Amino acid sequence: MTFEIHWEVFRMTNKDKVQPRQEIKFTTVRELKGIAGWLGLLGLSMVLGLFILIHSVITSISYTTFEFMLNVIVLTAWAFMMILFAKHHQWFPKFFIIIQVLIIALTWLIWIGGLAPMQVVVTQNIVSIVWICYLVRSKRVKNTFLRTDFSHKWGKNETLMGK
């Protein structure tokens, strides 16, 4: 947060009798960076989604091997996406958008197969499209996900642009 002070002094003339004045103008410049606001809500929904996926894997053990393996693959991709999110890695927005597009396609396939009602498909597609639009347009997302490495350093002197 920075403050700027502008001093404006006007000339005094006898006929105008304008007094010198000082004008103080405070401006705050906030950098939109870090996990906050809507991006924090996205992180929270990803954590809740992880628990839902873990529950799905546990309950799919009694299903076919294909369904179990599909759930394990989805859980692995979700966990990798959460690691990218936590590390503020530049791949996160792209990977998240790819996952959301796959979820949209999968929900339509599930609806065609008669396994889900249309309301669930439409709701999930709207949620996915909203998050995709947010990740594409948000300045906070562009300023936060800049890291190019997977190092564990979180020091103050570390650059976010990588090497």
N, C-alpha and C. Protein backbone atom coordinates (compact mmCIF):
# COMPACT_ATOMS: atom_id res chain seq x y z
N MET A 1 0.85 -1.16 0.00
CA MET A 1 0.00 0.00 0.00
C MET A 1 0.90 1.22 0.00
N THR A 2 0.67 2.11 -0.92
CA THR A 2 1.49 3.31 -1.01
C THR A 2 0.60 4.54 -0.93
N PHE A 3 1.17 5.59 -0.41
CA PHE A 3 0.46 6.86 -0.33
C PHE A 3 1.25 7.90 -1.10
N GLU A 4 0.55 8.67 -1.90
CA GLU A 4 1.19 9.73 -2.66
C GLU A 4 0.65 11.06 -2.16
N ILE A 5 1.53 12.00 -1.99
CA ILE A 5 1.10 13.34 -1.57
C ILE A 5 1.43 14.31 -2.70
N HIS A 6 0.42 15.01 -3.17
CA HIS A 6 0.58 15.99 -4.22
C HIS A 6 0.41 17.38 -3.61
N TRP A 7 1.38 18.20 -3.81
CA TRP A 7 1.31 19.58 -3.32
C TRP A 7 1.10 20.50 -4.50
N GLU A 8 0.05 21.27 -4.44
CA GLU A 8 -0.20 22.25 -5.49
C GLU A 8 -0.25 23.62 -4.85
N VAL A 9 0.61 24.51 -5.31
CA VAL A 9 0.65 25.87 -4.77
C VAL A 9 0.30 26.81 -5.92
N PHE A 10 -0.70 27.64 -5.68
CA PHE A 10 -1.14 28.59 -6.70
C PHE A 10 -0.52 29.95 -6.43
N ARG A 11 -0.30 30.68 -7.49
CA ARG A 11 0.28 32.01 -7.37
C ARG A 11 -0.69 32.99 -6.73
N MET A 12 -0.17 33.82 -5.91
CA MET A 12 -1.00 34.85 -5.30
C MET A 12 -0.88 36.12 -6.12
N THR A 13 -2.01 36.68 -6.42
CA THR A 13 -2.02 37.99 -7.05
C THR A 13 -2.87 38.90 -6.18
N ASN A 14 -2.64 40.19 -6.30
CA ASN A 14 -3.40 41.14 -5.48
C ASN A 14 -4.88 41.17 -5.84
N LYS A 15 -5.18 41.09 -7.14
CA LYS A 15 -6.60 41.22 -7.47
C LYS A 15 -7.38 39.93 -7.25
N ASP A 16 -6.74 38.78 -7.35
CA ASP A 16 -7.47 37.53 -7.12
C ASP A 16 -7.52 37.18 -5.64
N LYS A 17 -6.54 37.60 -4.91
CA LYS A 17 -6.40 37.29 -3.49
C LYS A 17 -6.56 35.79 -3.23
N VAL A 18 -5.93 35.04 -4.09
CA VAL A 18 -5.97 33.58 -3.93
C VAL A 18 -4.89 33.20 -2.93
N GLN A 19 -5.30 32.47 -1.96
CA GLN A 19 -4.37 32.03 -0.94
C GLN A 19 -3.67 30.74 -1.42
N PRO A 20 -2.42 30.60 -1.04
CA PRO A 20 -1.77 29.33 -1.38
C PRO A 20 -2.49 28.19 -0.66
N ARG A 21 -2.66 27.08 -1.34
CA ARG A 21 -3.33 25.96 -0.70
C ARG A 21 -2.54 24.68 -0.95
N GLN A 22 -2.74 23.80 -0.09
CA GLN A 22 -2.10 22.51 -0.22
C GLN A 22 -3.20 21.48 -0.43
N GLU A 23 -2.96 20.62 -1.39
CA GLU A 23 -3.93 19.56 -1.64
C GLU A 23 -3.24 18.23 -1.40
N ILE A 24 -3.78 17.49 -0.50
CA ILE A 24 -3.21 16.19 -0.18
C ILE A 24 -4.14 15.14 -0.76
N LYS A 25 -3.59 14.30 -1.59
CA LYS A 25 -4.39 13.28 -2.26
C LYS A 25 -3.80 11.92 -1.89
N PHE A 26 -4.59 11.09 -1.26
CA PHE A 26 -4.14 9.76 -0.87
C PHE A 26 -4.67 8.76 -1.89
N THR A 27 -3.77 7.97 -2.42
CA THR A 27 -4.18 6.89 -3.31
C THR A 27 -3.57 5.60 -2.81
N THR A 28 -4.33 4.59 -2.84
CA THR A 28 -3.82 3.29 -2.44
C THR A 28 -3.71 2.41 -3.68
N VAL A 29 -2.58 1.78 -3.80
CA VAL A 29 -2.34 0.86 -4.88
C VAL A 29 -2.25 -0.53 -4.26
N ARG A 30 -3.26 -1.36 -4.53
CA ARG A 30 -3.27 -2.72 -4.01
C ARG A 30 -2.93 -3.69 -5.12
N GLU A 31 -1.95 -4.48 -4.88
CA GLU A 31 -1.60 -5.49 -5.85
C GLU A 31 -2.47 -6.71 -5.61
N LEU A 32 -3.18 -7.13 -6.62
CA LEU A 32 -4.01 -8.32 -6.50
C LEU A 32 -3.11 -9.53 -6.69
N LYS A 33 -2.73 -10.13 -5.56
CA LYS A 33 -1.81 -11.26 -5.61
C LYS A 33 -2.09 -12.14 -4.40
N GLY A 34 -1.94 -13.43 -4.57
CA GLY A 34 -2.13 -14.36 -3.47
C GLY A 34 -3.50 -15.00 -3.46
N ILE A 35 -3.66 -15.93 -2.56
CA ILE A 35 -4.91 -16.68 -2.45
C ILE A 35 -5.84 -15.90 -1.54
N ALA A 36 -6.79 -15.20 -2.12
CA ALA A 36 -7.78 -14.43 -1.36
C ALA A 36 -9.01 -14.26 -2.23
N GLY A 37 -10.09 -13.84 -1.64
CA GLY A 37 -11.31 -13.56 -2.38
C GLY A 37 -11.87 -14.80 -3.06
N TRP A 38 -12.21 -14.63 -4.33
CA TRP A 38 -12.80 -15.74 -5.08
C TRP A 38 -11.81 -16.88 -5.27
N LEU A 39 -10.54 -16.56 -5.34
CA LEU A 39 -9.52 -17.60 -5.48
C LEU A 39 -9.46 -18.46 -4.21
N GLY A 40 -9.70 -17.85 -3.06
CA GLY A 40 -9.78 -18.62 -1.82
C GLY A 40 -10.99 -19.54 -1.82
N LEU A 41 -12.10 -19.07 -2.37
CA LEU A 41 -13.29 -19.91 -2.49
C LEU A 41 -13.04 -21.08 -3.43
N LEU A 42 -12.30 -20.83 -4.50
CA LEU A 42 -11.93 -21.92 -5.41
C LEU A 42 -11.08 -22.95 -4.69
N GLY A 43 -10.11 -22.50 -3.88
CA GLY A 43 -9.28 -23.43 -3.11
C GLY A 43 -10.09 -24.24 -2.13
N LEU A 44 -11.05 -23.61 -1.46
CA LEU A 44 -11.92 -24.32 -0.53
C LEU A 44 -12.76 -25.36 -1.26
N SER A 45 -13.29 -25.00 -2.42
CA SER A 45 -14.09 -25.97 -3.17
C SER A 45 -13.24 -27.12 -3.68
N MET A 46 -11.96 -26.86 -3.97
CA MET A 46 -11.07 -27.94 -4.39
C MET A 46 -10.79 -28.90 -3.24
N VAL A 47 -10.65 -28.38 -2.03
CA VAL A 47 -10.44 -29.25 -0.86
C VAL A 47 -11.68 -30.10 -0.61
N LEU A 48 -12.86 -29.48 -0.69
CA LEU A 48 -14.09 -30.26 -0.52
C LEU A 48 -14.24 -31.30 -1.63
N GLY A 49 -13.87 -30.93 -2.85
CA GLY A 49 -13.92 -31.87 -3.96
C GLY A 49 -12.98 -33.05 -3.75
N LEU A 50 -11.84 -32.81 -3.11
CA LEU A 50 -10.91 -33.90 -2.82
C LEU A 50 -11.54 -34.91 -1.87
N PHE A 51 -12.23 -34.41 -0.83
CA PHE A 51 -12.90 -35.33 0.09
C PHE A 51 -14.01 -36.12 -0.60
N ILE A 52 -14.73 -35.48 -1.51
CA ILE A 52 -15.77 -36.18 -2.27
C ILE A 52 -15.15 -37.26 -3.15
N LEU A 53 -14.02 -36.95 -3.77
CA LEU A 53 -13.35 -37.95 -4.61
C LEU A 53 -12.80 -39.11 -3.79
N ILE A 54 -12.27 -38.82 -2.61
CA ILE A 54 -11.78 -39.90 -1.74
C ILE A 54 -12.93 -40.81 -1.35
N HIS A 55 -14.06 -40.22 -1.01
CA HIS A 55 -15.25 -41.01 -0.68
C HIS A 55 -15.69 -41.85 -1.89
N SER A 56 -15.60 -41.28 -3.07
CA SER A 56 -15.98 -41.99 -4.29
C SER A 56 -15.06 -43.18 -4.55
N VAL A 57 -13.76 -43.00 -4.31
CA VAL A 57 -12.82 -44.10 -4.51
C VAL A 57 -13.09 -45.21 -3.49
N ILE A 58 -13.37 -44.84 -2.24
CA ILE A 58 -13.62 -45.84 -1.20
C ILE A 58 -14.89 -46.64 -1.52
N THR A 59 -15.94 -45.96 -1.99
CA THR A 59 -17.18 -46.67 -2.28
C THR A 59 -17.13 -47.40 -3.62
N SER A 60 -16.19 -47.04 -4.51
CA SER A 60 -16.13 -47.71 -5.81
C SER A 60 -15.31 -48.99 -5.77
N ILE A 61 -14.78 -49.35 -4.61
CA ILE A 61 -14.02 -50.59 -4.50
C ILE A 61 -14.90 -51.78 -4.84
N SER A 62 -16.18 -51.71 -4.51
CA SER A 62 -17.09 -52.82 -4.79
C SER A 62 -17.57 -52.83 -6.24
N TYR A 63 -17.24 -51.80 -7.03
CA TYR A 63 -17.63 -51.76 -8.43
C TYR A 63 -16.61 -52.47 -9.30
N THR A 64 -16.71 -52.30 -10.59
CA THR A 64 -15.79 -52.96 -11.50
C THR A 64 -14.39 -52.35 -11.39
N THR A 65 -13.43 -53.06 -11.92
CA THR A 65 -12.05 -52.60 -11.89
C THR A 65 -11.91 -51.31 -12.70
N PHE A 66 -12.62 -51.20 -13.82
CA PHE A 66 -12.54 -50.01 -14.65
C PHE A 66 -13.02 -48.78 -13.89
N GLU A 67 -14.14 -48.89 -13.20
CA GLU A 67 -14.67 -47.75 -12.44
C GLU A 67 -13.73 -47.35 -11.30
N PHE A 68 -13.18 -48.36 -10.64
CA PHE A 68 -12.24 -48.08 -9.56
C PHE A 68 -11.00 -47.37 -10.09
N MET A 69 -10.43 -47.87 -11.20
CA MET A 69 -9.23 -47.26 -11.77
C MET A 69 -9.52 -45.85 -12.29
N LEU A 70 -10.70 -45.62 -12.86
CA LEU A 70 -11.07 -44.29 -13.33
C LEU A 70 -11.14 -43.32 -12.15
N ASN A 71 -11.71 -43.75 -11.03
CA ASN A 71 -11.77 -42.90 -9.85
C ASN A 71 -10.38 -42.61 -9.29
N VAL A 72 -9.49 -43.59 -9.32
CA VAL A 72 -8.12 -43.38 -8.84
C VAL A 72 -7.38 -42.38 -9.74
N ILE A 73 -7.58 -42.48 -11.05
CA ILE A 73 -6.95 -41.54 -11.99
C ILE A 73 -7.46 -40.13 -11.75
N VAL A 74 -8.78 -39.99 -11.58
CA VAL A 74 -9.36 -38.67 -11.31
C VAL A 74 -8.84 -38.12 -9.99
N LEU A 75 -8.75 -38.96 -8.97
CA LEU A 75 -8.23 -38.52 -7.67
C LEU A 75 -6.78 -38.07 -7.78
N THR A 76 -5.97 -38.78 -8.55
CA THR A 76 -4.57 -38.41 -8.74
C THR A 76 -4.45 -37.07 -9.47
N ALA A 77 -5.25 -36.89 -10.52
CA ALA A 77 -5.22 -35.63 -11.26
C ALA A 77 -5.67 -34.47 -10.36
N TRP A 78 -6.68 -34.72 -9.53
CA TRP A 78 -7.18 -33.67 -8.62
C TRP A 78 -6.11 -33.30 -7.59
N ALA A 79 -5.42 -34.33 -7.06
CA ALA A 79 -4.36 -34.07 -6.08
C ALA A 79 -3.21 -33.28 -6.73
N PHE A 80 -2.85 -33.63 -7.97
CA PHE A 80 -1.80 -32.89 -8.67
C PHE A 80 -2.22 -31.44 -8.90
N MET A 81 -3.49 -31.23 -9.23
CA MET A 81 -4.00 -29.88 -9.44
C MET A 81 -3.94 -29.08 -8.13
N MET A 82 -4.21 -29.73 -7.01
CA MET A 82 -4.13 -29.04 -5.72
C MET A 82 -2.69 -28.68 -5.36
N ILE A 83 -1.74 -29.53 -5.76
CA ILE A 83 -0.33 -29.21 -5.52
C ILE A 83 0.07 -27.99 -6.35
N LEU A 84 -0.38 -27.96 -7.61
CA LEU A 84 -0.10 -26.79 -8.45
C LEU A 84 -0.70 -25.53 -7.85
N PHE A 85 -1.90 -25.64 -7.29
CA PHE A 85 -2.57 -24.51 -6.66
C PHE A 85 -1.79 -24.04 -5.44
N ALA A 86 -1.37 -24.97 -4.60
CA ALA A 86 -0.65 -24.62 -3.37
C ALA A 86 0.72 -24.01 -3.67
N LYS A 87 1.36 -24.46 -4.74
CA LYS A 87 2.69 -23.96 -5.11
C LYS A 87 2.62 -22.68 -5.96
N HIS A 88 1.43 -22.23 -6.30
CA HIS A 88 1.23 -21.06 -7.16
C HIS A 88 1.92 -21.24 -8.51
N HIS A 89 1.86 -22.45 -9.02
CA HIS A 89 2.55 -22.78 -10.26
C HIS A 89 1.80 -22.25 -11.46
N GLN A 90 2.54 -21.86 -12.50
CA GLN A 90 1.93 -21.28 -13.68
C GLN A 90 1.07 -22.28 -14.46
N TRP A 91 1.24 -23.58 -14.24
CA TRP A 91 0.44 -24.58 -14.93
C TRP A 91 -0.96 -24.72 -14.35
N PHE A 92 -1.18 -24.22 -13.14
CA PHE A 92 -2.48 -24.44 -12.49
C PHE A 92 -3.67 -23.97 -13.32
N PRO A 93 -3.71 -22.72 -13.79
CA PRO A 93 -4.92 -22.31 -14.54
C PRO A 93 -5.19 -23.17 -15.76
N LYS A 94 -4.14 -23.52 -16.51
CA LYS A 94 -4.33 -24.35 -17.70
C LYS A 94 -4.81 -25.75 -17.33
N PHE A 95 -4.19 -26.34 -16.31
CA PHE A 95 -4.56 -27.68 -15.89
C PHE A 95 -5.99 -27.69 -15.35
N PHE A 96 -6.35 -26.68 -14.58
CA PHE A 96 -7.70 -26.59 -14.03
C PHE A 96 -8.73 -26.47 -15.15
N ILE A 97 -8.44 -25.67 -16.16
CA ILE A 97 -9.37 -25.51 -17.28
C ILE A 97 -9.53 -26.82 -18.04
N ILE A 98 -8.43 -27.54 -18.24
CA ILE A 98 -8.51 -28.84 -18.92
C ILE A 98 -9.38 -29.80 -18.12
N ILE A 99 -9.18 -29.85 -16.80
CA ILE A 99 -9.99 -30.73 -15.94
C ILE A 99 -11.46 -30.33 -16.01
N GLN A 100 -11.76 -29.04 -16.00
CA GLN A 100 -13.16 -28.59 -16.05
C GLN A 100 -13.81 -28.93 -17.39
N VAL A 101 -13.07 -28.82 -18.48
CA VAL A 101 -13.61 -29.20 -19.80
C VAL A 101 -13.89 -30.71 -19.82
N LEU A 102 -13.00 -31.50 -19.24
CA LEU A 102 -13.24 -32.94 -19.16
C LEU A 102 -14.46 -33.26 -18.29
N ILE A 103 -14.63 -32.51 -17.21
CA ILE A 103 -15.81 -32.71 -16.35
C ILE A 103 -17.09 -32.37 -17.12
N ILE A 104 -17.06 -31.29 -17.90
CA ILE A 104 -18.24 -30.94 -18.70
C ILE A 104 -18.57 -32.07 -19.68
N ALA A 105 -17.55 -32.57 -20.38
CA ALA A 105 -17.78 -33.66 -21.34
C ALA A 105 -18.28 -34.92 -20.63
N LEU A 106 -17.69 -35.22 -19.47
CA LEU A 106 -18.09 -36.42 -18.73
C LEU A 106 -19.52 -36.33 -18.22
N THR A 107 -19.94 -35.16 -17.76
CA THR A 107 -21.32 -35.02 -17.28
C THR A 107 -22.32 -35.20 -18.41
N TRP A 108 -21.97 -34.73 -19.61
CA TRP A 108 -22.88 -34.96 -20.75
C TRP A 108 -22.92 -36.44 -21.12
N LEU A 109 -21.78 -37.13 -21.04
CA LEU A 109 -21.77 -38.57 -21.32
C LEU A 109 -22.58 -39.34 -20.29
N ILE A 110 -22.49 -38.93 -19.03
CA ILE A 110 -23.26 -39.58 -17.98
C ILE A 110 -24.75 -39.35 -18.20
N TRP A 111 -25.12 -38.13 -18.65
CA TRP A 111 -26.53 -37.85 -18.91
C TRP A 111 -27.04 -38.67 -20.10
N ILE A 112 -26.21 -38.79 -21.15
CA ILE A 112 -26.61 -39.59 -22.32
C ILE A 112 -26.80 -41.05 -21.91
N GLY A 113 -25.95 -41.53 -21.00
CA GLY A 113 -26.09 -42.90 -20.51
C GLY A 113 -27.25 -43.08 -19.56
N GLY A 114 -27.92 -42.01 -19.19
CA GLY A 114 -29.09 -42.11 -18.31
C GLY A 114 -28.75 -42.26 -16.84
N LEU A 115 -27.54 -41.90 -16.45
CA LEU A 115 -27.12 -42.08 -15.07
C LEU A 115 -27.26 -40.82 -14.21
N ALA A 116 -27.56 -39.68 -14.84
CA ALA A 116 -27.70 -38.43 -14.09
C ALA A 116 -28.83 -37.60 -14.70
N PRO A 117 -29.58 -36.92 -13.85
CA PRO A 117 -30.65 -36.06 -14.39
C PRO A 117 -30.05 -34.81 -15.05
N MET A 118 -30.84 -34.21 -15.91
CA MET A 118 -30.39 -33.03 -16.65
C MET A 118 -30.05 -31.87 -15.71
N GLN A 119 -30.75 -31.75 -14.59
CA GLN A 119 -30.49 -30.66 -13.64
C GLN A 119 -29.06 -30.72 -13.11
N VAL A 120 -28.58 -31.91 -12.81
CA VAL A 120 -27.21 -32.08 -12.31
C VAL A 120 -26.20 -31.69 -13.39
N VAL A 121 -26.46 -32.10 -14.62
CA VAL A 121 -25.56 -31.80 -15.72
C VAL A 121 -25.48 -30.30 -15.96
N VAL A 122 -26.63 -29.64 -16.01
CA VAL A 122 -26.66 -28.19 -16.25
C VAL A 122 -25.98 -27.44 -15.11
N THR A 123 -26.26 -27.83 -13.87
CA THR A 123 -25.65 -27.16 -12.72
C THR A 123 -24.13 -27.30 -12.75
N GLN A 124 -23.64 -28.51 -12.98
CA GLN A 124 -22.20 -28.73 -13.02
C GLN A 124 -21.55 -27.96 -14.17
N ASN A 125 -22.22 -27.92 -15.32
CA ASN A 125 -21.66 -27.19 -16.47
C ASN A 125 -21.61 -25.70 -16.20
N ILE A 126 -22.61 -25.14 -15.55
CA ILE A 126 -22.60 -23.71 -15.22
C ILE A 126 -21.48 -23.41 -14.24
N VAL A 127 -21.32 -24.24 -13.22
CA VAL A 127 -20.24 -24.03 -12.25
C VAL A 127 -18.87 -24.10 -12.94
N SER A 128 -18.69 -25.09 -13.80
CA SER A 128 -17.41 -25.23 -14.50
C SER A 128 -17.13 -24.04 -15.41
N ILE A 129 -18.14 -23.57 -16.12
CA ILE A 129 -17.96 -22.44 -17.03
C ILE A 129 -17.65 -21.16 -16.25
N VAL A 130 -18.29 -20.97 -15.11
CA VAL A 130 -18.02 -19.79 -14.29
C VAL A 130 -16.58 -19.80 -13.81
N TRP A 131 -16.08 -20.94 -13.32
CA TRP A 131 -14.70 -21.00 -12.85
C TRP A 131 -13.71 -20.84 -13.99
N ILE A 132 -14.02 -21.39 -15.16
CA ILE A 132 -13.14 -21.22 -16.32
C ILE A 132 -13.04 -19.74 -16.68
N CYS A 133 -14.18 -19.07 -16.75
CA CYS A 133 -14.18 -17.63 -17.07
C CYS A 133 -13.41 -16.83 -16.03
N TYR A 134 -13.55 -17.19 -14.76
CA TYR A 134 -12.82 -16.48 -13.70
C TYR A 134 -11.31 -16.65 -13.88
N LEU A 135 -10.87 -17.88 -14.14
CA LEU A 135 -9.43 -18.12 -14.29
C LEU A 135 -8.86 -17.43 -15.52
N VAL A 136 -9.66 -17.29 -16.56
CA VAL A 136 -9.18 -16.66 -17.78
C VAL A 136 -9.09 -15.14 -17.61
N ARG A 137 -10.05 -14.52 -16.92
CA ARG A 137 -10.13 -13.07 -16.87
C ARG A 137 -9.53 -12.41 -15.62
N SER A 138 -9.31 -13.14 -14.55
CA SER A 138 -8.93 -12.55 -13.29
C SER A 138 -7.48 -12.04 -13.28
N LYS A 139 -7.31 -10.81 -12.79
CA LYS A 139 -5.96 -10.26 -12.61
C LYS A 139 -5.25 -10.95 -11.46
N ARG A 140 -6.01 -11.30 -10.41
CA ARG A 140 -5.40 -11.99 -9.27
C ARG A 140 -4.80 -13.32 -9.70
N VAL A 141 -5.49 -14.05 -10.56
CA VAL A 141 -4.97 -15.33 -11.05
C VAL A 141 -3.69 -15.10 -11.85
N LYS A 142 -3.69 -14.09 -12.71
CA LYS A 142 -2.50 -13.81 -13.52
C LYS A 142 -1.31 -13.38 -12.65
N ASN A 143 -1.58 -12.69 -11.54
CA ASN A 143 -0.50 -12.23 -10.67
C ASN A 143 -0.06 -13.28 -9.66
N THR A 144 -0.89 -14.28 -9.40
CA THR A 144 -0.58 -15.27 -8.37
C THR A 144 0.16 -16.48 -8.93
N PHE A 145 -0.30 -17.00 -10.05
CA PHE A 145 0.26 -18.25 -10.57
C PHE A 145 1.37 -17.95 -11.56
N LEU A 146 2.56 -17.65 -11.00
CA LEU A 146 3.72 -17.27 -11.80
C LEU A 146 4.90 -18.21 -11.64
N ARG A 147 4.89 -19.05 -10.65
CA ARG A 147 6.04 -19.90 -10.35
C ARG A 147 6.26 -20.92 -11.47
N THR A 148 7.53 -21.19 -11.76
CA THR A 148 7.85 -22.17 -12.79
C THR A 148 8.56 -23.39 -12.23
N ASP A 149 8.83 -23.39 -10.94
CA ASP A 149 9.53 -24.52 -10.34
C ASP A 149 8.67 -25.12 -9.22
N PHE A 150 9.11 -26.27 -8.74
CA PHE A 150 8.40 -26.95 -7.66
C PHE A 150 9.19 -26.94 -6.37
N SER A 151 10.04 -25.93 -6.19
CA SER A 151 10.87 -25.88 -5.00
C SER A 151 10.01 -25.65 -3.76
N HIS A 152 10.59 -25.96 -2.61
CA HIS A 152 9.87 -25.80 -1.34
C HIS A 152 10.25 -24.51 -0.64
N LYS A 153 10.97 -23.62 -1.31
CA LYS A 153 11.39 -22.37 -0.70
C LYS A 153 10.22 -21.39 -0.72
N TRP A 154 9.99 -20.75 0.40
CA TRP A 154 8.93 -19.74 0.47
C TRP A 154 9.47 -18.46 1.10
N GLY A 155 10.77 -18.19 0.92
CA GLY A 155 11.39 -17.03 1.53
C GLY A 155 10.97 -15.72 0.87
N LYS A 156 11.25 -14.61 1.56
CA LYS A 156 10.86 -13.30 1.07
C LYS A 156 11.74 -12.87 -0.11
N ASN A 157 12.97 -13.33 -0.17
CA ASN A 157 13.88 -12.89 -1.21
C ASN A 157 13.75 -13.70 -2.50
N GLU A 158 12.84 -14.64 -2.51
CA GLU A 158 12.67 -15.51 -3.67
C GLU A 158 11.88 -14.80 -4.76
N THR A 159 12.32 -14.95 -6.01
CA THR A 159 11.57 -14.37 -7.11
C THR A 159 10.47 -15.31 -7.53
N LEU A 160 9.36 -14.76 -7.97
CA LEU A 160 8.24 -15.57 -8.39
C LEU A 160 8.34 -15.96 -9.86
N MET A 161 9.27 -15.39 -10.59
CA MET A 161 9.37 -15.67 -12.01
C MET A 161 10.21 -16.90 -12.31
N GLY A 162 10.85 -17.49 -11.35
CA GLY A 162 11.67 -18.67 -11.58
C GLY A 162 13.01 -18.30 -12.20
N LYS A 163 13.69 -19.31 -12.71
CA LYS A 163 15.03 -19.07 -13.29
C LYS A 163 15.00 -19.21 -14.78
